[in-house]
């Protein structure tokens, strides 16, 4: 609705309503249990260590230098419980 309230001046009123019900979600069932990993937090210069944060991850982190990880920290490939299958998606309507 856009009525003209004065000469060349309009007012606009709009309304939007969105409702989701029984949305479909996919979960990967072939994931290992997540582990809590501590990671360093630096300031904007990248020199001063401000502390450590934590994040839950499915992968393992490598903090030492190697041929596969020249600039640590690196995330190692995901080790699935059933590595022959890859992702096993389960579709649910509970989201």
N, C-alpha and C. Protein backbone atom coordinates (compact mmCIF):
# COMPACT_ATOMS: atom_id res chain seq x y z
N UNK A 1 0.85 -1.16 0.00
CA UNK A 1 0.00 0.00 0.00
C UNK A 1 0.90 1.23 0.00
N UNK A 2 0.68 2.14 -0.93
CA UNK A 2 1.49 3.35 -1.05
C UNK A 2 0.61 4.57 -1.29
N UNK A 3 0.00 5.14 -0.26
CA UNK A 3 -0.80 6.35 -0.48
C UNK A 3 0.08 7.60 -0.56
N UNK A 4 -0.38 8.60 -1.30
CA UNK A 4 0.33 9.88 -1.37
C UNK A 4 -0.17 10.74 -0.22
N UNK A 5 0.74 11.12 0.68
CA UNK A 5 0.36 11.89 1.87
C UNK A 5 0.51 13.38 1.66
N UNK A 6 1.31 13.80 0.74
CA UNK A 6 1.49 15.21 0.41
C UNK A 6 1.89 15.27 -1.06
N UNK A 7 2.14 16.46 -1.55
CA UNK A 7 2.53 16.63 -2.94
C UNK A 7 3.87 15.94 -3.18
N UNK A 8 3.88 14.89 -4.01
CA UNK A 8 5.06 14.11 -4.37
C UNK A 8 5.72 13.41 -3.17
N UNK A 9 4.97 13.11 -2.13
CA UNK A 9 5.45 12.38 -0.95
C UNK A 9 4.51 11.20 -0.73
N UNK A 10 5.08 10.00 -0.67
CA UNK A 10 4.25 8.82 -0.44
C UNK A 10 4.70 8.11 0.84
N UNK A 11 3.81 7.36 1.41
CA UNK A 11 4.12 6.51 2.57
C UNK A 11 3.88 5.07 2.14
N UNK A 12 4.78 4.21 2.55
CA UNK A 12 4.67 2.81 2.16
C UNK A 12 4.55 1.94 3.40
N UNK A 13 3.63 1.00 3.35
CA UNK A 13 3.44 0.03 4.43
C UNK A 13 3.49 -1.35 3.78
N UNK A 14 4.35 -2.21 4.31
CA UNK A 14 4.44 -3.56 3.77
C UNK A 14 4.53 -4.56 4.91
N UNK A 15 4.14 -5.78 4.63
CA UNK A 15 4.14 -6.84 5.63
C UNK A 15 4.54 -8.14 4.94
N UNK A 16 5.41 -8.88 5.56
CA UNK A 16 5.84 -10.15 5.01
C UNK A 16 5.77 -11.21 6.11
N UNK A 17 5.16 -12.34 5.80
CA UNK A 17 5.03 -13.43 6.77
C UNK A 17 5.53 -14.71 6.12
N UNK A 18 6.45 -15.38 6.79
CA UNK A 18 6.99 -16.65 6.30
C UNK A 18 6.85 -17.66 7.42
N UNK A 19 6.33 -18.82 7.09
CA UNK A 19 6.13 -19.87 8.10
C UNK A 19 6.60 -21.20 7.51
N UNK A 20 7.57 -21.84 8.18
CA UNK A 20 8.05 -23.14 7.74
C UNK A 20 7.58 -24.21 8.70
N UNK A 21 7.15 -25.32 8.15
CA UNK A 21 6.66 -26.41 8.99
C UNK A 21 7.11 -27.73 8.37
N UNK A 22 7.62 -28.63 9.18
CA UNK A 22 8.12 -29.93 8.74
C UNK A 22 9.12 -29.77 7.60
N UNK A 23 10.13 -28.93 7.83
CA UNK A 23 11.17 -28.71 6.85
C UNK A 23 12.08 -29.94 6.78
N UNK A 24 12.58 -30.24 5.62
CA UNK A 24 13.43 -31.41 5.43
C UNK A 24 14.87 -31.03 5.74
N UNK A 25 15.55 -31.87 6.51
CA UNK A 25 16.97 -31.66 6.79
C UNK A 25 17.70 -32.96 6.56
N UNK A 26 18.92 -32.86 6.10
CA UNK A 26 19.75 -34.04 5.86
C UNK A 26 20.89 -34.05 6.89
N UNK A 27 21.08 -35.20 7.53
CA UNK A 27 22.19 -35.37 8.47
C UNK A 27 23.09 -36.49 7.98
N UNK A 28 24.38 -36.26 8.07
CA UNK A 28 25.36 -37.28 7.69
C UNK A 28 25.56 -38.20 8.90
N UNK A 29 25.19 -39.46 8.75
CA UNK A 29 25.29 -40.41 9.86
C UNK A 29 26.66 -41.10 9.92
N UNK A 30 27.48 -40.91 8.90
CA UNK A 30 28.80 -41.56 8.87
C UNK A 30 29.88 -40.57 9.29
N UNK A 31 29.70 -39.96 10.46
CA UNK A 31 30.68 -39.04 11.01
C UNK A 31 31.16 -39.54 12.36
N UNK A 32 32.42 -39.32 12.69
CA UNK A 32 32.89 -39.70 14.03
C UNK A 32 32.33 -38.73 15.06
N UNK A 33 32.38 -39.09 16.34
CA UNK A 33 31.93 -38.13 17.36
C UNK A 33 32.82 -36.89 17.36
N UNK A 34 32.24 -35.70 17.55
CA UNK A 34 33.06 -34.49 17.54
C UNK A 34 33.98 -34.42 18.76
N UNK A 35 35.14 -33.82 18.55
CA UNK A 35 36.08 -33.61 19.64
C UNK A 35 36.29 -32.12 19.83
N UNK A 36 36.59 -31.73 21.04
CA UNK A 36 36.82 -30.32 21.37
C UNK A 36 38.30 -30.00 21.14
N UNK A 37 38.57 -28.98 20.31
CA UNK A 37 39.93 -28.61 19.95
C UNK A 37 40.17 -27.16 20.38
N UNK A 38 41.32 -26.91 21.01
CA UNK A 38 41.73 -25.56 21.38
C UNK A 38 42.55 -24.96 20.25
N UNK A 39 42.27 -23.71 19.88
CA UNK A 39 43.04 -23.06 18.83
C UNK A 39 43.48 -21.68 19.31
N UNK A 40 44.63 -21.19 18.84
CA UNK A 40 45.13 -19.89 19.28
C UNK A 40 44.36 -18.74 18.61
N UNK A 41 44.17 -17.64 19.37
CA UNK A 41 43.52 -16.44 18.85
C UNK A 41 44.53 -15.30 18.94
N UNK A 42 44.81 -14.68 17.78
CA UNK A 42 45.78 -13.59 17.71
C UNK A 42 45.07 -12.28 17.43
N UNK A 43 45.74 -11.16 17.69
CA UNK A 43 45.18 -9.84 17.37
C UNK A 43 45.29 -9.61 15.86
N UNK A 44 44.87 -8.43 15.39
CA UNK A 44 44.83 -8.14 13.96
C UNK A 44 46.23 -8.11 13.32
N UNK A 45 47.28 -7.87 14.11
CA UNK A 45 48.63 -7.89 13.55
C UNK A 45 49.14 -9.31 13.36
N UNK A 46 48.55 -10.28 14.05
CA UNK A 46 48.99 -11.66 13.95
C UNK A 46 50.20 -11.99 14.78
N UNK A 47 50.63 -11.07 15.65
CA UNK A 47 51.83 -11.28 16.45
C UNK A 47 51.48 -11.61 17.90
N UNK A 48 50.54 -10.89 18.48
CA UNK A 48 50.23 -11.03 19.90
C UNK A 48 49.14 -12.08 20.12
N UNK A 49 49.45 -13.04 20.97
CA UNK A 49 48.50 -14.09 21.32
C UNK A 49 47.52 -13.53 22.34
N UNK A 50 46.22 -13.57 22.01
CA UNK A 50 45.19 -13.07 22.92
C UNK A 50 44.65 -14.14 23.84
N UNK A 51 44.77 -15.37 23.45
CA UNK A 51 44.25 -16.47 24.26
C UNK A 51 43.94 -17.66 23.37
N UNK A 52 43.10 -18.54 23.88
CA UNK A 52 42.72 -19.73 23.14
C UNK A 52 41.21 -19.84 23.10
N UNK A 53 40.70 -20.29 21.96
CA UNK A 53 39.28 -20.55 21.80
C UNK A 53 39.08 -22.04 21.64
N UNK A 54 37.84 -22.46 21.68
CA UNK A 54 37.58 -23.89 21.49
C UNK A 54 36.48 -24.06 20.46
N UNK A 55 36.56 -25.15 19.73
CA UNK A 55 35.58 -25.49 18.71
C UNK A 55 35.44 -27.00 18.67
N UNK A 56 34.22 -27.49 18.43
CA UNK A 56 34.01 -28.91 18.26
C UNK A 56 34.14 -29.23 16.78
N UNK A 57 34.91 -30.25 16.47
CA UNK A 57 35.18 -30.60 15.08
C UNK A 57 35.13 -32.10 14.89
N UNK A 58 34.82 -32.52 13.67
CA UNK A 58 34.84 -33.94 13.33
C UNK A 58 36.21 -34.37 12.85
N UNK A 59 37.02 -33.44 12.39
CA UNK A 59 38.36 -33.74 11.88
C UNK A 59 39.39 -33.59 13.00
N UNK A 60 40.58 -34.08 12.74
CA UNK A 60 41.68 -33.88 13.67
C UNK A 60 42.58 -32.78 13.12
N UNK A 61 43.17 -32.02 14.02
CA UNK A 61 44.04 -30.91 13.65
C UNK A 61 45.48 -31.32 13.85
N UNK A 62 46.35 -30.82 13.00
CA UNK A 62 47.79 -31.08 13.11
C UNK A 62 48.48 -29.75 13.38
N UNK A 63 49.24 -29.68 14.47
CA UNK A 63 49.92 -28.45 14.87
C UNK A 63 51.42 -28.50 14.67
N UNK A 64 51.93 -29.58 14.07
CA UNK A 64 53.37 -29.69 13.81
C UNK A 64 53.62 -29.66 12.30
N UNK A 65 54.80 -29.20 11.92
CA UNK A 65 55.16 -29.10 10.51
C UNK A 65 55.52 -30.47 9.95
N UNK A 66 55.01 -30.77 8.76
CA UNK A 66 55.34 -32.01 8.06
C UNK A 66 55.24 -31.75 6.56
N UNK A 67 55.46 -32.79 5.74
CA UNK A 67 55.35 -32.62 4.30
C UNK A 67 53.91 -32.33 3.88
N UNK A 68 52.94 -32.92 4.55
CA UNK A 68 51.54 -32.68 4.21
C UNK A 68 50.99 -31.44 4.88
N UNK A 69 51.69 -30.91 5.88
CA UNK A 69 51.25 -29.71 6.60
C UNK A 69 52.44 -28.76 6.77
N UNK A 70 52.79 -27.99 5.72
CA UNK A 70 53.97 -27.12 5.83
C UNK A 70 53.74 -25.90 6.71
N UNK A 71 52.51 -25.43 6.83
CA UNK A 71 52.20 -24.24 7.64
C UNK A 71 51.07 -24.57 8.61
N UNK A 72 51.39 -25.11 9.78
CA UNK A 72 50.34 -25.49 10.73
C UNK A 72 49.63 -24.28 11.30
N UNK A 73 48.41 -24.42 11.79
CA UNK A 73 47.65 -25.65 11.97
C UNK A 73 46.97 -26.08 10.67
N UNK A 74 46.86 -27.39 10.48
CA UNK A 74 46.23 -27.97 9.31
C UNK A 74 45.11 -28.91 9.78
N UNK A 75 44.10 -29.06 8.94
CA UNK A 75 43.02 -30.00 9.23
C UNK A 75 43.31 -31.27 8.45
N UNK A 76 43.40 -32.39 9.16
CA UNK A 76 43.65 -33.68 8.52
C UNK A 76 42.37 -34.16 7.84
N UNK A 77 42.49 -35.07 6.88
CA UNK A 77 41.29 -35.61 6.23
C UNK A 77 40.37 -36.28 7.25
N UNK A 78 39.09 -36.24 6.96
CA UNK A 78 38.08 -36.80 7.85
C UNK A 78 38.18 -38.31 7.89
N UNK A 79 38.25 -38.88 9.09
CA UNK A 79 38.28 -40.34 9.27
C UNK A 79 36.88 -40.80 9.62
N UNK A 80 36.16 -41.34 8.66
CA UNK A 80 34.78 -41.79 8.87
C UNK A 80 34.75 -43.17 9.53
N UNK A 81 33.71 -43.48 10.32
CA UNK A 81 33.60 -44.81 10.93
C UNK A 81 33.53 -45.93 9.88
N UNK A 82 32.84 -45.69 8.77
CA UNK A 82 32.79 -46.66 7.67
C UNK A 82 33.39 -45.96 6.45
N UNK A 83 34.72 -46.01 6.27
CA UNK A 83 35.36 -45.21 5.22
C UNK A 83 35.00 -45.63 3.80
N UNK A 84 34.52 -46.86 3.59
CA UNK A 84 34.17 -47.32 2.25
C UNK A 84 32.91 -46.64 1.70
N UNK A 85 32.06 -46.10 2.57
CA UNK A 85 30.78 -45.57 2.12
C UNK A 85 30.77 -44.06 1.91
N UNK A 86 31.58 -43.31 2.59
CA UNK A 86 31.52 -41.85 2.48
C UNK A 86 30.35 -41.31 3.28
N UNK A 87 29.64 -40.34 2.74
CA UNK A 87 28.52 -39.73 3.46
C UNK A 87 27.29 -40.62 3.39
N UNK A 88 26.63 -40.81 4.53
CA UNK A 88 25.36 -41.53 4.61
C UNK A 88 24.33 -40.50 5.09
N UNK A 89 23.53 -40.00 4.18
CA UNK A 89 22.57 -38.95 4.51
C UNK A 89 21.26 -39.56 4.96
N UNK A 90 20.74 -39.08 6.08
CA UNK A 90 19.42 -39.45 6.58
C UNK A 90 18.57 -38.20 6.50
N UNK A 91 17.43 -38.31 5.82
CA UNK A 91 16.55 -37.16 5.62
C UNK A 91 15.44 -37.19 6.67
N UNK A 92 15.25 -36.07 7.35
CA UNK A 92 14.26 -35.97 8.43
C UNK A 92 13.36 -34.76 8.17
N UNK A 93 12.16 -34.81 8.71
CA UNK A 93 11.25 -33.68 8.60
C UNK A 93 11.02 -33.07 9.98
N UNK A 94 12.10 -32.93 10.75
CA UNK A 94 11.99 -32.45 12.13
C UNK A 94 12.67 -31.11 12.33
N UNK A 95 13.14 -30.48 11.28
CA UNK A 95 13.86 -29.22 11.45
C UNK A 95 12.92 -28.09 11.76
